[in-house]
Amino acid sequence: MLARRNPQLNANGELIHLLSIEGLPREVLTQILDTAGTFLSVNDREVKKVPLLRGKSVFNLFFENSTRTRTTFEIAAKRLSADVINLDIARSSTAKGESLLDTIANLSAMHADMFVVRHAESGAPYLIAQHVAPHVHVVNAGDGRHAHPTQALLDMYTIRHFKRDFTNLTVAVVGDILHSRVARSDIHALATLGVPEIRAVGPKTLVPGDLAAMGVRVCHDMAEGIRGADVVIMLRLQNERMSGALLPSAAEFFMTFGLTPERMALAAPGAIVMHPGPINRGVEIHSQVADGRASVILPQVTFGIAVRMAVMSLIAGNPA
């Protein structure tokens, strides 16, 4: 029986869609990170454009609210000289009952070359990728609780930028891991890139039970989880995805798992603090930490543009 090919890769192992970090080889992740490095200098130019996607149409389809992700994708596509179309989904045909695939078919008839998709349903970008023409590429900008691959890639770029080597790091992912697509994608990326110790830190109600099987050290005590960590990735409480009372209160969560200056002092010397945003100050992180010397939260946003430029330029250049 033939092994099923990863739908994100062509027969030559080249990236044609970015749907998930899971299943991508280390070489592909490294190629994206290396390519992103070449685009960082574009941000410093007087004319912040390169012609790699000139004549291509990129459709941003955000079925969920987003500011940071949608804006950085739009900036990235425009810096690659693409034509960018942002759909107002709340007023689009899907709000009138049209199916997702019918929407995609109609937009494809408008000569779309790439879809950047954020959707509340896990797997929606995979479904779209199965139904587009061979020359059309799909990028997952976050689907349900499943994956957020470009956020994970910009997180990996940030870690590599500040720590150089993945193979001697301890990385703690802290907070609402159960509902976080960022956490899942980060953990897959960290493991693929060779991080020897990955910790999942949070209350029992917000940490999935299957992480230990992935080689992740699960910690329900903040001090244990942070102690000696080189990288601390804080996560937002996903209140909109919680069903039932998984937490007594935001104040109690901060008291037990919030990243305060005192807790940050337990981390390794020179440790960095990351956060995918938006930040809830006083809930998952103290302002002194978010704005402090260890914080690399704003560089993450800057690197996100270069990483998304890298992803779009690579997949657009590879045949199906």
Protein backbone atom coordinates (compact mmCIF):
# COMPACT_ATOMS: atom_id res chain seq x y z
CA MET A 1 0.00 0.00 0.00
CA LEU A 2 1.39 3.40 -1.02
CA ALA A 3 1.98 5.98 1.72
CA ARG A 4 -0.40 8.92 1.43
CA ARG A 5 1.38 12.06 0.33
CA ASN A 6 1.18 15.12 2.57
CA PRO A 7 -1.38 17.42 0.87
CA GLN A 8 0.86 20.41 1.65
CA LEU A 9 3.73 19.10 -0.49
CA ASN A 10 4.11 18.27 -4.17
CA ALA A 11 5.77 15.10 -5.47
CA ASN A 12 9.19 16.75 -5.04
CA GLY A 13 8.54 17.51 -1.38
CA GLU A 14 8.08 21.24 -2.04
CA LEU A 15 5.51 23.35 -0.19
CA ILE A 16 2.37 24.12 -2.24
CA HIS A 17 -0.05 24.87 0.65
CA LEU A 18 0.60 25.74 4.29
CA LEU A 19 -2.13 24.03 6.29
CA SER A 20 -0.36 22.77 9.41
CA ILE A 21 3.10 22.41 10.93
CA GLU A 22 2.35 18.78 11.73
CA GLY A 23 3.85 16.48 9.12
CA LEU A 24 6.25 19.04 7.61
CA PRO A 25 9.90 17.96 7.60
CA ARG A 26 12.58 19.99 9.34
CA GLU A 27 14.08 20.95 5.97
CA VAL A 28 10.89 22.72 4.91
CA LEU A 29 10.60 24.63 8.20
CA THR A 30 14.25 25.68 7.96
CA GLN A 31 13.79 26.78 4.34
CA ILE A 32 10.91 29.05 5.39
CA LEU A 33 12.93 30.54 8.26
CA ASP A 34 15.96 31.09 6.03
CA THR A 35 13.83 32.72 3.33
CA ALA A 36 12.19 34.99 5.92
CA GLY A 37 15.64 36.23 6.89
CA THR A 38 16.21 37.47 3.34
CA PHE A 39 12.96 39.49 3.47
CA LEU A 40 13.70 41.32 6.73
CA SER A 41 15.83 43.88 4.90
CA VAL A 42 12.84 44.80 2.69
CA ASN A 43 11.31 46.46 5.77
CA ASP A 44 14.27 48.86 5.88
CA ARG A 45 14.04 49.97 2.25
CA GLU A 46 12.58 53.27 1.14
CA VAL A 47 10.40 51.33 -1.32
CA LYS A 48 9.27 48.27 0.62
CA LYS A 49 8.44 46.05 -2.35
CA VAL A 50 9.79 43.10 -4.29
CA PRO A 51 8.13 41.83 -7.49
CA LEU A 52 7.82 38.12 -6.63
CA LEU A 53 3.99 38.01 -6.69
CA ARG A 54 3.39 40.73 -9.26
CA GLY A 55 0.24 39.91 -11.23
CA LYS A 56 -0.98 37.41 -8.62
CA SER A 57 -4.25 37.82 -6.69
CA VAL A 58 -4.30 36.99 -2.98
CA PHE A 59 -7.73 36.71 -1.34
CA ASN A 60 -7.87 37.19 2.44
CA LEU A 61 -10.85 35.17 3.72
CA PHE A 62 -11.23 35.78 7.45
CA PHE A 63 -14.35 34.07 8.77
CA GLU A 64 -13.18 34.95 12.30
CA ASN A 65 -12.18 38.36 13.63
CA SER A 66 -8.51 39.22 13.45
CA THR A 67 -6.50 42.41 13.34
CA ARG A 68 -2.86 41.45 13.72
CA THR A 69 -2.86 38.33 11.52
CA ARG A 70 -4.98 39.78 8.71
CA THR A 71 -3.00 43.02 8.65
CA THR A 72 0.39 41.30 8.53
CA PHE A 73 -0.79 38.97 5.74
CA GLU A 74 -2.04 41.98 3.78
CA ILE A 75 1.23 43.87 4.28
CA ALA A 76 3.24 40.77 3.35
CA ALA A 77 1.29 40.19 0.13
CA LYS A 78 1.52 43.86 -0.89
CA ARG A 79 5.27 43.91 -0.25
CA LEU A 80 5.49 40.96 -2.64
CA SER A 81 3.58 43.16 -5.17
CA ALA A 82 0.44 40.99 -5.18
CA ASP A 83 -3.07 42.32 -5.70
CA VAL A 84 -4.82 41.84 -2.34
CA ILE A 85 -8.56 41.40 -1.94
CA ASN A 86 -9.98 41.51 1.60
CA LEU A 87 -13.46 40.01 1.78
CA ASP A 88 -15.97 41.35 4.27
CA ILE A 89 -17.22 37.92 5.30
CA ALA A 90 -19.97 39.29 7.57
CA ARG A 91 -21.63 40.78 4.48
CA SER A 92 -20.56 38.11 2.00
CA SER A 93 -22.61 35.35 0.41
CA THR A 94 -21.75 32.90 3.19
CA ALA A 95 -23.79 35.09 5.54
CA LYS A 96 -26.67 34.60 3.08
CA GLY A 97 -26.42 30.83 3.17
CA GLU A 98 -23.89 30.07 0.44
CA SER A 99 -21.64 27.10 1.25
CA LEU A 100 -17.92 27.54 1.85
CA LEU A 101 -17.02 25.57 -1.29
CA ASP A 102 -19.45 27.55 -3.45
CA THR A 103 -17.83 30.75 -2.17
CA ILE A 104 -14.38 29.37 -3.05
CA ALA A 105 -15.58 28.26 -6.50
CA ASN A 106 -16.93 31.74 -7.26
CA LEU A 107 -13.76 33.46 -6.07
CA SER A 108 -11.65 31.00 -8.07
CA ALA A 109 -13.64 32.05 -11.14
CA MET A 110 -12.35 35.57 -10.44
CA HIS A 111 -8.82 34.20 -11.06
CA ALA A 112 -7.65 33.92 -7.47
CA ASP A 113 -4.11 32.59 -7.12
CA MET A 114 -3.97 32.24 -3.34
CA PHE A 115 -6.42 32.03 -0.47
CA VAL A 116 -5.42 33.05 3.06
CA VAL A 117 -8.09 31.49 5.27
CA ARG A 118 -9.06 31.90 8.92
CA HIS A 119 -12.05 29.83 9.97
CA ALA A 120 -13.74 28.77 13.21
CA GLU A 121 -14.03 25.16 11.98
CA SER A 122 -10.96 22.95 12.28
CA GLY A 123 -10.02 21.53 8.90
CA ALA A 124 -11.65 24.22 6.74
CA PRO A 125 -8.36 25.14 4.96
CA TYR A 126 -7.77 21.43 4.19
CA LEU A 127 -11.23 21.20 2.63
CA ILE A 128 -10.54 24.26 0.49
CA ALA A 129 -7.12 22.93 -0.60
CA GLN A 130 -8.79 19.72 -1.81
CA HIS A 131 -11.16 21.65 -4.07
CA VAL A 132 -9.04 24.35 -5.69
CA ALA A 133 -7.35 24.15 -9.09
CA PRO A 134 -3.72 22.91 -9.11
CA HIS A 135 -2.31 26.42 -9.59
CA VAL A 136 -4.19 27.85 -6.55
CA HIS A 137 -2.48 27.84 -3.14
CA VAL A 138 -4.02 27.89 0.35
CA VAL A 139 -2.52 29.30 3.55
CA ASN A 140 -4.10 28.50 6.91
CA ALA A 141 -4.32 31.66 9.03
CA GLY A 142 -5.88 29.73 11.92
CA ASP A 143 -8.59 27.05 11.94
CA GLY A 144 -10.64 26.35 15.06
CA ARG A 145 -8.53 24.81 17.80
CA HIS A 146 -6.43 22.96 15.26
CA ALA A 147 -3.51 24.96 13.87
CA HIS A 148 -1.98 28.38 13.27
CA PRO A 149 1.12 27.51 11.25
CA THR A 150 2.38 30.99 10.32
CA GLN A 151 2.21 32.09 13.97
CA ALA A 152 4.29 29.05 14.91
CA LEU A 153 6.79 29.86 12.16
CA LEU A 154 7.19 33.46 13.28
CA ASP A 155 7.59 32.18 16.84
CA MET A 156 10.33 29.81 15.64
CA TYR A 157 11.98 32.66 13.72
CA THR A 158 11.92 34.79 16.87
CA ILE A 159 13.46 32.00 18.96
CA ARG A 160 16.16 31.34 16.38
CA HIS A 161 16.91 35.06 16.06
CA PHE A 162 17.49 35.50 19.80
CA LYS A 163 18.75 32.02 20.79
CA ARG A 164 20.43 30.86 17.55
CA ASP A 165 20.21 27.09 18.20
CA PHE A 166 17.13 25.03 19.02
CA THR A 167 18.96 21.92 20.18
CA ASN A 168 19.95 23.09 23.68
CA LEU A 169 16.80 24.97 24.73
CA THR A 170 14.09 24.52 27.33
CA VAL A 171 10.83 26.11 26.12
CA ALA A 172 7.78 26.60 28.37
CA VAL A 173 4.36 27.13 26.76
CA VAL A 174 2.09 28.59 29.45
CA GLY A 175 -1.64 29.10 29.82
CA ASP A 176 -4.74 27.96 27.94
CA ILE A 177 -3.16 25.19 25.90
CA LEU A 178 -6.41 23.23 25.53
CA HIS A 179 -8.06 25.85 23.30
CA SER A 180 -4.91 27.24 21.64
CA ARG A 181 -4.15 26.45 18.00
CA VAL A 182 -0.92 28.43 18.48
CA ALA A 183 0.21 26.06 21.24
CA ARG A 184 -0.39 22.99 19.08
CA SER A 185 1.50 24.43 16.14
CA ASP A 186 4.33 25.70 18.36
CA ILE A 187 4.77 22.30 20.02
CA HIS A 188 4.94 20.49 16.66
CA ALA A 189 7.44 23.05 15.34
CA LEU A 190 9.63 22.95 18.46
CA ALA A 191 9.74 19.15 18.36
CA THR A 192 10.53 19.07 14.63
CA LEU A 193 13.34 21.61 15.04
CA GLY A 194 14.97 19.55 17.80
CA VAL A 195 14.13 21.34 21.07
CA PRO A 196 15.05 18.79 23.78
CA GLU A 197 12.64 19.97 26.50
CA ILE A 198 9.18 21.34 25.80
CA ARG A 199 6.99 22.11 28.79
CA ALA A 200 3.22 22.65 28.82
CA VAL A 201 2.32 24.73 31.88
CA GLY A 202 -1.19 25.44 33.10
CA PRO A 203 -4.11 24.26 35.23
CA LYS A 204 -5.34 20.70 34.70
CA THR A 205 -8.54 21.98 33.09
CA LEU A 206 -6.57 23.83 30.37
CA VAL A 207 -3.81 21.33 29.48
CA PRO A 208 -4.73 18.38 27.21
CA GLY A 209 -3.94 14.96 28.62
CA ASP A 210 -2.31 13.66 25.43
CA LEU A 211 0.71 15.99 25.45
CA ALA A 212 2.92 13.63 27.46
CA ALA A 213 2.66 11.12 24.60
CA MET A 214 4.24 13.76 22.34
CA GLY A 215 7.25 14.00 24.66
CA VAL A 216 6.03 17.22 26.29
CA ARG A 217 6.61 17.67 30.03
CA VAL A 218 3.32 18.70 31.61
CA CYS A 219 3.54 21.03 34.63
CA HIS A 220 0.59 22.17 36.74
CA ASP A 221 2.84 24.33 38.92
CA MET A 222 4.04 27.65 37.49
CA ALA A 223 7.36 27.70 39.36
CA GLU A 224 8.20 24.18 38.20
CA GLY A 225 7.25 25.02 34.62
CA ILE A 226 9.23 28.27 34.39
CA ARG A 227 12.34 27.33 36.34
CA GLY A 228 15.38 27.28 34.06
CA ALA A 229 13.39 27.93 30.87
CA ASP A 230 15.21 29.73 28.04
CA VAL A 231 11.98 30.72 26.28
CA VAL A 232 8.58 31.41 27.86
CA ILE A 233 5.63 31.53 25.45
CA MET A 234 2.54 32.98 27.16
CA LEU A 235 -0.91 32.28 25.73
CA ARG A 236 -4.14 34.26 25.86
CA LEU A 237 -7.11 32.80 27.72
CA GLN A 238 -9.45 31.74 24.90
CA ASN A 239 -12.68 32.70 26.68
CA GLU A 240 -14.64 32.62 23.43
CA ARG A 241 -13.82 28.91 22.97
CA MET A 242 -14.43 27.77 26.54
CA SER A 243 -17.60 25.87 27.38
CA GLY A 244 -18.44 25.62 31.05
CA ALA A 245 -16.49 26.93 34.01
CA LEU A 246 -12.92 25.80 33.36
CA LEU A 247 -11.51 28.60 35.54
CA PRO A 248 -12.78 30.17 38.77
CA SER A 249 -11.84 33.66 37.52
CA ALA A 250 -9.28 35.58 35.49
CA ALA A 251 -7.92 37.05 38.74
CA GLU A 252 -7.32 33.60 40.20
CA PHE A 253 -5.65 32.47 36.98
CA PHE A 254 -3.25 35.42 37.20
CA MET A 255 -2.54 34.67 40.84
CA THR A 256 -1.60 31.07 40.00
CA PHE A 257 -0.26 31.15 36.43
CA GLY A 258 0.29 34.81 35.53
CA LEU A 259 3.82 35.73 34.49
CA THR A 260 5.01 38.21 37.11
CA PRO A 261 8.52 39.67 37.50
CA GLU A 262 9.04 37.36 40.49
CA ARG A 263 8.15 34.25 38.49
CA MET A 264 10.17 35.43 35.49
CA ALA A 265 13.21 35.56 37.78
CA LEU A 266 13.01 31.74 37.97
CA ALA A 267 13.73 31.40 34.25
CA ALA A 268 17.24 30.95 32.86
CA PRO A 269 19.52 34.01 32.61
CA GLY A 270 18.81 35.79 29.32
CA ALA A 271 15.44 34.10 28.89
CA ILE A 272 12.99 35.67 26.45
CA VAL A 273 9.22 36.13 26.80
CA MET A 274 6.87 35.74 23.84
CA HIS A 275 3.12 36.15 23.31
CA PRO A 276 1.07 35.69 20.11
CA GLY A 277 -1.26 38.54 21.12
CA PRO A 278 -3.52 40.15 21.88
CA ILE A 279 -2.11 40.54 25.39
CA ASN A 280 -4.42 40.57 28.39
CA ARG A 281 -2.38 42.51 30.93
CA GLY A 282 -3.01 41.43 34.47
CA VAL A 283 -4.56 38.14 33.31
CA GLU A 284 -1.74 36.10 31.78
CA ILE A 285 1.14 38.55 32.02
CA HIS A 286 2.20 41.48 34.21
CA SER A 287 2.86 44.78 32.42
CA GLN A 288 6.39 44.94 33.83
CA VAL A 289 7.16 41.66 32.07
CA ALA A 290 5.30 42.48 28.84
CA ASP A 291 7.20 45.76 28.54
CA GLY A 292 10.43 44.55 30.15
CA ARG A 293 13.88 43.69 28.86
CA ALA A 294 13.06 39.99 28.36
CA SER A 295 10.02 40.70 26.18
CA VAL A 296 10.33 40.11 22.43
CA ILE A 297 6.59 40.48 21.77
CA LEU A 298 6.93 43.43 19.37
CA PRO A 299 9.81 41.88 17.36
CA GLN A 300 7.51 38.86 16.90
CA VAL A 301 5.06 41.10 15.03
CA THR A 302 7.83 42.53 12.83
CA PHE A 303 9.19 39.06 12.05
CA GLY A 304 5.65 37.94 11.24
CA ILE A 305 5.59 40.05 8.08
CA ALA A 306 8.84 38.56 6.80
CA VAL A 307 7.74 35.00 7.65
CA ARG A 308 4.42 35.42 5.84
CA MET A 309 6.25 36.90 2.84
CA ALA A 310 8.47 33.80 2.86
CA VAL A 311 5.53 31.38 3.00
CA MET A 312 3.62 33.08 0.19
CA SER A 313 6.64 33.48 -2.08
CA LEU A 314 7.70 29.84 -1.62
CA ILE A 315 4.31 28.23 -2.22
CA ALA A 316 3.57 30.49 -5.19
CA GLY A 317 6.82 29.39 -6.83
CA ASN A 318 6.21 25.64 -6.50
CA PRO A 319 4.09 23.67 -8.99
CA ALA A 320 1.45 21.26 -7.67
